[in-house]
Amino acid sequence: RLLPELDDGKTGKYINSPETPIFNKSRLLYGFFRSKNEIR
């Protein structure tokens, strides 16, 4: 997340890692490993 003092409105506030062999955004839910027991 872009630091507020560097936000000039020209770039996105958030950027993600690009897709890699171990990272696929469409498959991962952020925080799932922490919350799965609570969900259950």
All heavy atoms as atom14 arrays in JSON, in Angstrom:
{
  "sequence": "RLLPELDDGKTGKYINSPETPIFNKSRLLYGFFRSKNEIR",
  "atom14_mask": [
    [1, 1, 1, 1, 1, 1, 1, 1, 1, 1, 1, 0, 0, 0],
    [1, 1, 1, 1, 1, 1, 1, 1, 0, 0, 0, 0, 0, 0],
    [1, 1, 1, 1, 1, 1, 1, 1, 0, 0, 0, 0, 0, 0],
    [1, 1, 1, 1, 1, 1, 1, 0, 0, 0, 0, 0, 0, 0],
    [1, 1, 1, 1, 1, 1, 1, 1, 1, 0, 0, 0, 0, 0],
    [1, 1, 1, 1, 1, 1, 1, 1, 0, 0, 0, 0, 0, 0],
    [1, 1, 1, 1, 1, 1, 1, 1, 0, 0, 0, 0, 0, 0],
    [1, 1, 1, 1, 1, 1, 1, 1, 0, 0, 0, 0, 0, 0],
    [1, 1, 1, 1, 0, 0, 0, 0, 0, 0, 0, 0, 0, 0],
    [1, 1, 1, 1, 1, 1, 1, 1, 1, 0, 0, 0, 0, 0],
    [1, 1, 1, 1, 1, 1, 1, 0, 0, 0, 0, 0, 0, 0],
    [1, 1, 1, 1, 0, 0, 0, 0, 0, 0, 0, 0, 0, 0],
    [1, 1, 1, 1, 1, 1, 1, 1, 1, 0, 0, 0, 0, 0],
    [1, 1, 1, 1, 1, 1, 1, 1, 1, 1, 1, 1, 0, 0],
    [1, 1, 1, 1, 1, 1, 1, 1, 0, 0, 0, 0, 0, 0],
    [1, 1, 1, 1, 1, 1, 1, 1, 0, 0, 0, 0, 0, 0],
    [1, 1, 1, 1, 1, 1, 0, 0, 0, 0, 0, 0, 0, 0],
    [1, 1, 1, 1, 1, 1, 1, 0, 0, 0, 0, 0, 0, 0],
    [1, 1, 1, 1, 1, 1, 1, 1, 1, 0, 0, 0, 0, 0],
    [1, 1, 1, 1, 1, 1, 1, 0, 0, 0, 0, 0, 0, 0],
    [1, 1, 1, 1, 1, 1, 1, 0, 0, 0, 0, 0, 0, 0],
    [1, 1, 1, 1, 1, 1, 1, 1, 0, 0, 0, 0, 0, 0],
    [1, 1, 1, 1, 1, 1, 1, 1, 1, 1, 1, 0, 0, 0],
    [1, 1, 1, 1, 1, 1, 1, 1, 0, 0, 0, 0, 0, 0],
    [1, 1, 1, 1, 1, 1, 1, 1, 1, 0, 0, 0, 0, 0],
    [1, 1, 1, 1, 1, 1, 0, 0, 0, 0, 0, 0, 0, 0],
    [1, 1, 1, 1, 1, 1, 1, 1, 1, 1, 1, 0, 0, 0],
    [1, 1, 1, 1, 1, 1, 1, 1, 0, 0, 0, 0, 0, 0],
    [1, 1, 1, 1, 1, 1, 1, 1, 0, 0, 0, 0, 0, 0],
    [1, 1, 1, 1, 1, 1, 1, 1, 1, 1, 1, 1, 0, 0],
    [1, 1, 1, 1, 0, 0, 0, 0, 0, 0, 0, 0, 0, 0],
    [1, 1, 1, 1, 1, 1, 1, 1, 1, 1, 1, 0, 0, 0],
    [1, 1, 1, 1, 1, 1, 1, 1, 1, 1, 1, 0, 0, 0],
    [1, 1, 1, 1, 1, 1, 1, 1, 1, 1, 1, 0, 0, 0],
    [1, 1, 1, 1, 1, 1, 0, 0, 0, 0, 0, 0, 0, 0],
    [1, 1, 1, 1, 1, 1, 1, 1, 1, 0, 0, 0, 0, 0],
    [1, 1, 1, 1, 1, 1, 1, 1, 0, 0, 0, 0, 0, 0],
    [1, 1, 1, 1, 1, 1, 1, 1, 1, 0, 0, 0, 0, 0],
    [1, 1, 1, 1, 1, 1, 1, 1, 0, 0, 0, 0, 0, 0],
    [1, 1, 1, 1, 1, 1, 1, 1, 1, 1, 1, 0, 0, 0]
  ],
  "atom14_positions": [
    [[0.86, -1.19, 0.0], [0.0, 0.0, 0.0], [0.88, 1.23, 0.0], [1.77, 1.37, 0.84], [-0.92, 0.04, 1.22], [-1.93, 1.18, 1.1], [-2.62, 1.48, 2.4], [-3.73, 2.38, 2.25], [-3.65, 3.68, 1.99], [-2.48, 4.25, 1.81], [-4.73, 4.43, 1.89], [0.0, 0.0, 0.0], [0.0, 0.0, 0.0], [0.0, 0.0, 0.0]],
    [[0.64, 2.11, -0.94], [1.41, 3.33, -1.07], [1.32, 4.16, 0.2], [0.24, 4.35, 0.77], [0.88, 4.14, -2.25], [1.72, 5.3, -2.75], [3.1, 4.85, -3.2], [1.0, 6.01, -3.89], [0.0, 0.0, 0.0], [0.0, 0.0, 0.0], [0.0, 0.0, 0.0], [0.0, 0.0, 0.0], [0.0, 0.0, 0.0], [0.0, 0.0, 0.0]],
    [[2.47, 4.66, 0.67], [2.47, 5.53, 1.84], [1.73, 6.82, 1.5], [1.88, 7.36, 0.41], [3.91, 5.84, 2.26], [4.71, 4.64, 2.79], [6.19, 4.97, 2.89], [4.16, 4.21, 4.14], [0.0, 0.0, 0.0], [0.0, 0.0, 0.0], [0.0, 0.0, 0.0], [0.0, 0.0, 0.0], [0.0, 0.0, 0.0], [0.0, 0.0, 0.0]],
    [[0.91, 7.32, 2.42], [0.09, 8.5, 2.12], [0.89, 9.7, 1.62], [0.45, 10.41, 0.72], [-0.59, 8.81, 3.46], [-0.59, 7.52, 4.2], [0.64, 6.78, 3.76], [0.0, 0.0, 0.0], [0.0, 0.0, 0.0], [0.0, 0.0, 0.0], [0.0, 0.0, 0.0], [0.0, 0.0, 0.0], [0.0, 0.0, 0.0], [0.0, 0.0, 0.0]],
    [[2.08, 9.92, 2.18], [2.86, 11.08, 1.76], [3.4, 10.96, 0.33], [3.83, 11.94, -0.26], [4.01, 11.36, 2.75], [5.02, 10.25, 2.88], [4.7, 9.24, 3.98], [3.55, 9.18, 4.45], [5.61, 8.49, 4.35], [0.0, 0.0, 0.0], [0.0, 0.0, 0.0], [0.0, 0.0, 0.0], [0.0, 0.0, 0.0], [0.0, 0.0, 0.0]],
    [[3.37, 9.76, -0.24], [3.85, 9.56, -1.61], [2.7, 9.45, -2.61], [2.93, 9.28, -3.8], [4.7, 8.28, -1.68], [5.95, 8.27, -0.79], [6.66, 6.94, -0.9], [6.88, 9.41, -1.16], [0.0, 0.0, 0.0], [0.0, 0.0, 0.0], [0.0, 0.0, 0.0], [0.0, 0.0, 0.0], [0.0, 0.0, 0.0], [0.0, 0.0, 0.0]],
    [[1.46, 9.56, -2.13], [0.3, 9.39, -3.0], [0.04, 10.67, -3.8], [-0.5, 11.65, -3.29], [-0.93, 9.03, -2.17], [-2.11, 8.61, -3.02], [-2.0, 8.64, -4.26], [-3.15, 8.26, -2.44], [0.0, 0.0, 0.0], [0.0, 0.0, 0.0], [0.0, 0.0, 0.0], [0.0, 0.0, 0.0], [0.0, 0.0, 0.0], [0.0, 0.0, 0.0]],
    [[0.43, 10.65, -5.07], [0.2, 11.79, -5.95], [-0.99, 11.58, -6.88], [-1.28, 12.39, -7.75], [1.46, 12.1, -6.78], [1.89, 10.93, -7.65], [1.15, 9.91, -7.73], [2.98, 11.02, -8.26], [0.0, 0.0, 0.0], [0.0, 0.0, 0.0], [0.0, 0.0, 0.0], [0.0, 0.0, 0.0], [0.0, 0.0, 0.0], [0.0, 0.0, 0.0]],
    [[-1.7, 10.46, -6.68], [-2.87, 10.15, -7.49], [-2.55, 9.57, -8.85], [-3.44, 9.26, -9.62], [0.0, 0.0, 0.0], [0.0, 0.0, 0.0], [0.0, 0.0, 0.0], [0.0, 0.0, 0.0], [0.0, 0.0, 0.0], [0.0, 0.0, 0.0], [0.0, 0.0, 0.0], [0.0, 0.0, 0.0], [0.0, 0.0, 0.0], [0.0, 0.0, 0.0]],
    [[-1.26, 9.39, -9.18], [-0.87, 8.89, -10.5], [-0.68, 7.37, -10.53], [-0.65, 6.77, -11.59], [0.42, 9.56, -10.97], [0.26, 11.05, -11.18], [1.56, 11.68, -11.6], [1.41, 13.18, -11.76], [2.67, 13.85, -11.97], [0.0, 0.0, 0.0], [0.0, 0.0, 0.0], [0.0, 0.0, 0.0], [0.0, 0.0, 0.0], [0.0, 0.0, 0.0]],
    [[-0.52, 6.76, -9.36], [-0.36, 5.31, -9.31], [-1.42, 4.73, -8.38], [-1.99, 5.44, -7.54], [1.04, 4.92, -8.78], [1.2, 5.46, -7.46], [2.14, 5.43, -9.68], [0.0, 0.0, 0.0], [0.0, 0.0, 0.0], [0.0, 0.0, 0.0], [0.0, 0.0, 0.0], [0.0, 0.0, 0.0], [0.0, 0.0, 0.0], [0.0, 0.0, 0.0]],
    [[-1.67, 3.45, -8.5], [-2.65, 2.78, -7.65], [-2.18, 2.75, -6.2], [-0.98, 2.67, -5.94], [0.0, 0.0, 0.0], [0.0, 0.0, 0.0], [0.0, 0.0, 0.0], [0.0, 0.0, 0.0], [0.0, 0.0, 0.0], [0.0, 0.0, 0.0], [0.0, 0.0, 0.0], [0.0, 0.0, 0.0], [0.0, 0.0, 0.0], [0.0, 0.0, 0.0]],
    [[-3.14, 2.81, -5.29], [-2.79, 2.75, -3.87], [-2.19, 1.4, -3.51], [-1.32, 1.3, -2.68], [-4.02, 3.01, -3.01], [-4.3, 4.48, -2.84], [-5.34, 4.7, -1.76], [-5.59, 6.18, -1.65], [-6.72, 6.52, -0.85], [0.0, 0.0, 0.0], [0.0, 0.0, 0.0], [0.0, 0.0, 0.0], [0.0, 0.0, 0.0], [0.0, 0.0, 0.0]],
    [[-2.72, 0.34, -4.11], [-2.27, -1.01, -3.8], [-1.69, -1.66, -5.05], [-2.23, -1.47, -6.15], [-3.43, -1.88, -3.32], [-3.92, -1.54, -1.94], [-4.93, -0.6, -1.75], [-3.38, -2.15, -0.82], [-5.38, -0.28, -0.48], [-3.83, -1.85, 0.46], [-4.84, -0.92, 0.61], [-5.28, -0.6, 1.87], [0.0, 0.0, 0.0], [0.0, 0.0, 0.0]],
    [[-0.63, -2.42, -4.87], [-0.16, -3.31, -5.93], [0.12, -4.67, -5.31], [0.49, -4.76, -4.13], [1.09, -2.78, -6.69], [2.26, -2.56, -5.74], [0.78, -1.54, -7.48], [3.57, -2.3, -6.46], [0.0, 0.0, 0.0], [0.0, 0.0, 0.0], [0.0, 0.0, 0.0], [0.0, 0.0, 0.0], [0.0, 0.0, 0.0], [0.0, 0.0, 0.0]],
    [[-0.11, -5.7, -6.08], [0.13, -7.06, -5.64], [1.33, -7.64, -6.36], [1.71, -7.17, -7.44], [-1.08, -7.95, -5.96], [-2.3, -7.59, -5.14], [-2.2, -7.35, -3.95], [-3.44, -7.55, -5.79], [0.0, 0.0, 0.0], [0.0, 0.0, 0.0], [0.0, 0.0, 0.0], [0.0, 0.0, 0.0], [0.0, 0.0, 0.0], [0.0, 0.0, 0.0]],
    [[1.88, -8.69, -5.79], [2.88, -9.47, -6.51], [2.24, -9.95, -7.8], [1.04, -10.22, -7.85], [3.28, -10.7, -5.69], [3.99, -10.34, -4.54], [0.0, 0.0, 0.0], [0.0, 0.0, 0.0], [0.0, 0.0, 0.0], [0.0, 0.0, 0.0], [0.0, 0.0, 0.0], [0.0, 0.0, 0.0], [0.0, 0.0, 0.0], [0.0, 0.0, 0.0]],
    [[3.03, -10.09, -8.85], [2.48, -10.67, -10.07], [2.22, -12.16, -9.87], [2.73, -12.76, -8.91], [3.59, -10.43, -11.11], [4.83, -10.34, -10.3], [4.44, -9.74, -8.98], [0.0, 0.0, 0.0], [0.0, 0.0, 0.0], [0.0, 0.0, 0.0], [0.0, 0.0, 0.0], [0.0, 0.0, 0.0], [0.0, 0.0, 0.0], [0.0, 0.0, 0.0]],
    [[1.44, -12.74, -10.75], [1.21, -14.18, -10.69], [2.54, -14.9, -10.83], [3.37, -14.53, -11.67], [0.27, -14.61, -11.81], [-1.09, -13.95, -11.76], [-2.05, -14.59, -10.76], [-2.1, -15.82, -10.7], [-2.72, -13.83, -10.04], [0.0, 0.0, 0.0], [0.0, 0.0, 0.0], [0.0, 0.0, 0.0], [0.0, 0.0, 0.0], [0.0, 0.0, 0.0]],
    [[2.76, -15.89, -9.98], [3.97, -16.7, -10.02], [3.56, -18.17, -9.9], [2.38, -18.46, -9.66], [4.93, -16.35, -8.86], [4.32, -16.75, -7.62], [5.27, -14.87, -8.82], [0.0, 0.0, 0.0], [0.0, 0.0, 0.0], [0.0, 0.0, 0.0], [0.0, 0.0, 0.0], [0.0, 0.0, 0.0], [0.0, 0.0, 0.0], [0.0, 0.0, 0.0]],
    [[4.51, -19.09, -10.02], [4.14, -20.51, -9.84], [3.52, -20.81, -8.48], [2.77, -21.78, -8.34], [5.47, -21.24, -10.01], [6.28, -20.35, -10.89], [5.89, -18.95, -10.5], [0.0, 0.0, 0.0], [0.0, 0.0, 0.0], [0.0, 0.0, 0.0], [0.0, 0.0, 0.0], [0.0, 0.0, 0.0], [0.0, 0.0, 0.0], [0.0, 0.0, 0.0]],
    [[3.78, -19.98, -7.46], [3.21, -20.25, -6.14], [2.15, -19.23, -5.7], [1.57, -19.37, -4.64], [4.32, -20.34, -5.06], [5.09, -19.01, -4.94], [5.25, -21.5, -5.32], [6.01, -18.94, -3.74], [0.0, 0.0, 0.0], [0.0, 0.0, 0.0], [0.0, 0.0, 0.0], [0.0, 0.0, 0.0], [0.0, 0.0, 0.0], [0.0, 0.0, 0.0]],
    [[1.89, -18.2, -6.51], [0.93, -17.17, -6.13], [-0.09, -16.96, -7.23], [0.25, -16.55, -8.34], [1.65, -15.86, -5.83], [0.72, -14.7, -5.54], [-0.17, -14.77, -4.49], [0.73, -13.56, -6.32], [-1.03, -13.72, -4.2], [-0.12, -12.5, -6.04], [-1.0, -12.58, -4.98], [0.0, 0.0, 0.0], [0.0, 0.0, 0.0], [0.0, 0.0, 0.0]],
    [[-1.35, -17.26, -6.91], [-2.45, -17.06, -7.83], [-3.58, -16.39, -7.05], [-4.22, -17.02, -6.21], [-2.89, -18.41, -8.41], [-3.97, -18.27, -9.44], [-4.88, -17.46, -9.29], [-3.88, -19.07, -10.49], [0.0, 0.0, 0.0], [0.0, 0.0, 0.0], [0.0, 0.0, 0.0], [0.0, 0.0, 0.0], [0.0, 0.0, 0.0], [0.0, 0.0, 0.0]],
    [[-3.83, -15.09, -7.32], [-4.81, -14.31, -6.57], [-6.21, -14.91, -6.61], [-6.96, -14.79, -5.66], [-4.9, -12.88, -7.11], [-3.76, -12.01, -6.72], [-4.04, -10.56, -7.09], [-4.19, -10.41, -8.58], [-4.23, -9.01, -9.01], [0.0, 0.0, 0.0], [0.0, 0.0, 0.0], [0.0, 0.0, 0.0], [0.0, 0.0, 0.0], [0.0, 0.0, 0.0]],
    [[-6.56, -15.51, -7.73], [-7.92, -16.01, -7.87], [-8.16, -17.27, -7.04], [-9.29, -17.73, -6.93], [-8.24, -16.29, -9.34], [-7.45, -17.35, -9.82], [0.0, 0.0, 0.0], [0.0, 0.0, 0.0], [0.0, 0.0, 0.0], [0.0, 0.0, 0.0], [0.0, 0.0, 0.0], [0.0, 0.0, 0.0], [0.0, 0.0, 0.0], [0.0, 0.0, 0.0]],
    [[-7.11, -17.81, -6.44], [-7.25, -19.02, -5.62], [-7.08, -18.75, -4.13], [-7.52, -19.55, -3.32], [-6.24, -20.06, -6.06], [-6.54, -20.58, -7.44], [-5.93, -21.94, -7.62], [-6.53, -22.53, -8.8], [-5.84, -23.02, -9.78], [-4.53, -23.03, -9.73], [-6.45, -23.55, -10.82], [0.0, 0.0, 0.0], [0.0, 0.0, 0.0], [0.0, 0.0, 0.0]],
    [[-6.42, -17.65, -3.78], [-6.09, -17.4, -2.38], [-7.02, -16.37, -1.74], [-7.29, -15.32, -2.33], [-4.66, -16.9, -2.26], [-3.56, -17.89, -2.59], [-2.2, -17.22, -2.5], [-3.61, -19.1, -1.68], [0.0, 0.0, 0.0], [0.0, 0.0, 0.0], [0.0, 0.0, 0.0], [0.0, 0.0, 0.0], [0.0, 0.0, 0.0], [0.0, 0.0, 0.0]],
    [[-7.47, -16.68, -0.56], [-8.23, -15.73, 0.25], [-7.29, -15.19, 1.32], [-6.68, -15.97, 2.07], [-9.43, -16.41, 0.9], [-10.58, -16.71, -0.05], [-11.52, -17.73, 0.57], [-11.32, -15.43, -0.41], [0.0, 0.0, 0.0], [0.0, 0.0, 0.0], [0.0, 0.0, 0.0], [0.0, 0.0, 0.0], [0.0, 0.0, 0.0], [0.0, 0.0, 0.0]],
    [[-7.17, -13.88, 1.4], [-6.27, -13.27, 2.37], [-6.75, -13.59, 3.78], [-7.92, -13.39, 4.12], [-6.22, -11.75, 2.16], [-5.22, -11.08, 3.06], [-3.88, -11.08, 2.75], [-5.62, -10.45, 4.22], [-2.94, -10.46, 3.57], [-4.71, -9.83, 5.05], [-3.37, -9.84, 4.72], [-2.45, -9.25, 5.54], [0.0, 0.0, 0.0], [0.0, 0.0, 0.0]],
    [[-5.84, -14.1, 4.6], [-6.14, -14.39, 6.0], [-6.78, -15.74, 6.26], [-7.02, -16.09, 7.41], [0.0, 0.0, 0.0], [0.0, 0.0, 0.0], [0.0, 0.0, 0.0], [0.0, 0.0, 0.0], [0.0, 0.0, 0.0], [0.0, 0.0, 0.0], [0.0, 0.0, 0.0], [0.0, 0.0, 0.0], [0.0, 0.0, 0.0], [0.0, 0.0, 0.0]],
    [[-7.04, -16.52, 5.22], [-7.74, -17.79, 5.41], [-7.0, -18.71, 6.36], [-7.62, -19.38, 7.2], [-7.95, -18.48, 4.06], [-8.69, -19.78, 4.16], [-10.06, -19.78, 4.35], [-8.04, -20.99, 4.08], [-10.76, -20.98, 4.47], [-8.72, -22.19, 4.18], [-10.08, -22.18, 4.38], [0.0, 0.0, 0.0], [0.0, 0.0, 0.0], [0.0, 0.0, 0.0]],
    [[-5.68, -18.74, 6.28], [-4.94, -19.65, 7.16], [-5.12, -19.29, 8.63], [-5.04, -20.14, 9.5], [-3.45, -19.71, 6.77], [-2.61, -18.62, 7.37], [-1.81, -18.86, 8.48], [-2.62, -17.34, 6.83], [-1.03, -17.85, 9.02], [-1.85, -16.33, 7.37], [-1.06, -16.59, 8.48], [0.0, 0.0, 0.0], [0.0, 0.0, 0.0], [0.0, 0.0, 0.0]],
    [[-5.39, -18.01, 8.92], [-5.62, -17.58, 10.3], [-7.06, -17.81, 10.76], [-7.32, -18.02, 11.93], [-5.34, -16.09, 10.46], [-3.9, -15.73, 10.36], [-3.55, -14.67, 11.4], [-2.17, -14.28, 11.25], [-1.16, -14.87, 11.86], [-1.38, -15.88, 12.64], [0.07, -14.44, 11.67], [0.0, 0.0, 0.0], [0.0, 0.0, 0.0], [0.0, 0.0, 0.0]],
    [[-8.0, -17.73, 9.83], [-9.41, -17.72, 10.21], [-10.15, -19.01, 9.94], [-11.31, -19.14, 10.33], [-10.11, -16.56, 9.52], [-9.99, -16.7, 8.12], [0.0, 0.0, 0.0], [0.0, 0.0, 0.0], [0.0, 0.0, 0.0], [0.0, 0.0, 0.0], [0.0, 0.0, 0.0], [0.0, 0.0, 0.0], [0.0, 0.0, 0.0], [0.0, 0.0, 0.0]],
    [[-9.53, -19.98, 9.3], [-10.28, -21.18, 8.89], [-10.91, -21.93, 10.07], [-12.03, -22.42, 9.95], [-9.42, -22.1, 8.03], [-8.17, -22.62, 8.64], [-7.35, -23.38, 7.6], [-5.98, -23.73, 8.16], [-5.15, -24.35, 7.12], [0.0, 0.0, 0.0], [0.0, 0.0, 0.0], [0.0, 0.0, 0.0], [0.0, 0.0, 0.0], [0.0, 0.0, 0.0]],
    [[-10.22, -21.99, 11.21], [-10.81, -22.68, 12.37], [-12.02, -21.93, 12.9], [-13.03, -22.55, 13.28], [-9.77, -22.89, 13.47], [-8.72, -23.9, 13.05], [-8.97, -24.78, 12.23], [-7.53, -23.77, 13.61], [0.0, 0.0, 0.0], [0.0, 0.0, 0.0], [0.0, 0.0, 0.0], [0.0, 0.0, 0.0], [0.0, 0.0, 0.0], [0.0, 0.0, 0.0]],
    [[-11.95, -20.6, 12.91], [-13.1, -19.78, 13.36], [-14.28, -19.94, 12.41], [-15.43, -20.0, 12.85], [-12.71, -18.3, 13.44], [-11.82, -17.96, 14.61], [-12.56, -17.89, 15.93], [-13.76, -17.55, 15.95], [-11.93, -18.2, 16.94], [0.0, 0.0, 0.0], [0.0, 0.0, 0.0], [0.0, 0.0, 0.0], [0.0, 0.0, 0.0], [0.0, 0.0, 0.0]],
    [[-14.01, -19.97, 11.11], [-15.08, -20.16, 10.12], [-15.76, -21.5, 10.37], [-16.99, -21.59, 10.38], [-14.53, -20.06, 8.69], [-14.05, -18.64, 8.4], [-15.57, -20.51, 7.67], [-13.24, -18.49, 7.12], [0.0, 0.0, 0.0], [0.0, 0.0, 0.0], [0.0, 0.0, 0.0], [0.0, 0.0, 0.0], [0.0, 0.0, 0.0], [0.0, 0.0, 0.0]],
    [[-14.96, -22.53, 10.59], [-15.5, -23.87, 10.84], [-16.34, -23.87, 12.12], [-17.45, -24.39, 12.14], [-14.37, -24.89, 10.95], [-14.84, -26.32, 11.1], [-13.69, -27.3, 11.23], [-12.92, -27.38, 10.0], [-11.63, -26.99, 9.9], [-10.98, -26.5, 10.93], [-11.0, -27.11, 8.75], [0.0, 0.0, 0.0], [0.0, 0.0, 0.0], [0.0, 0.0, 0.0]]
  ]
}
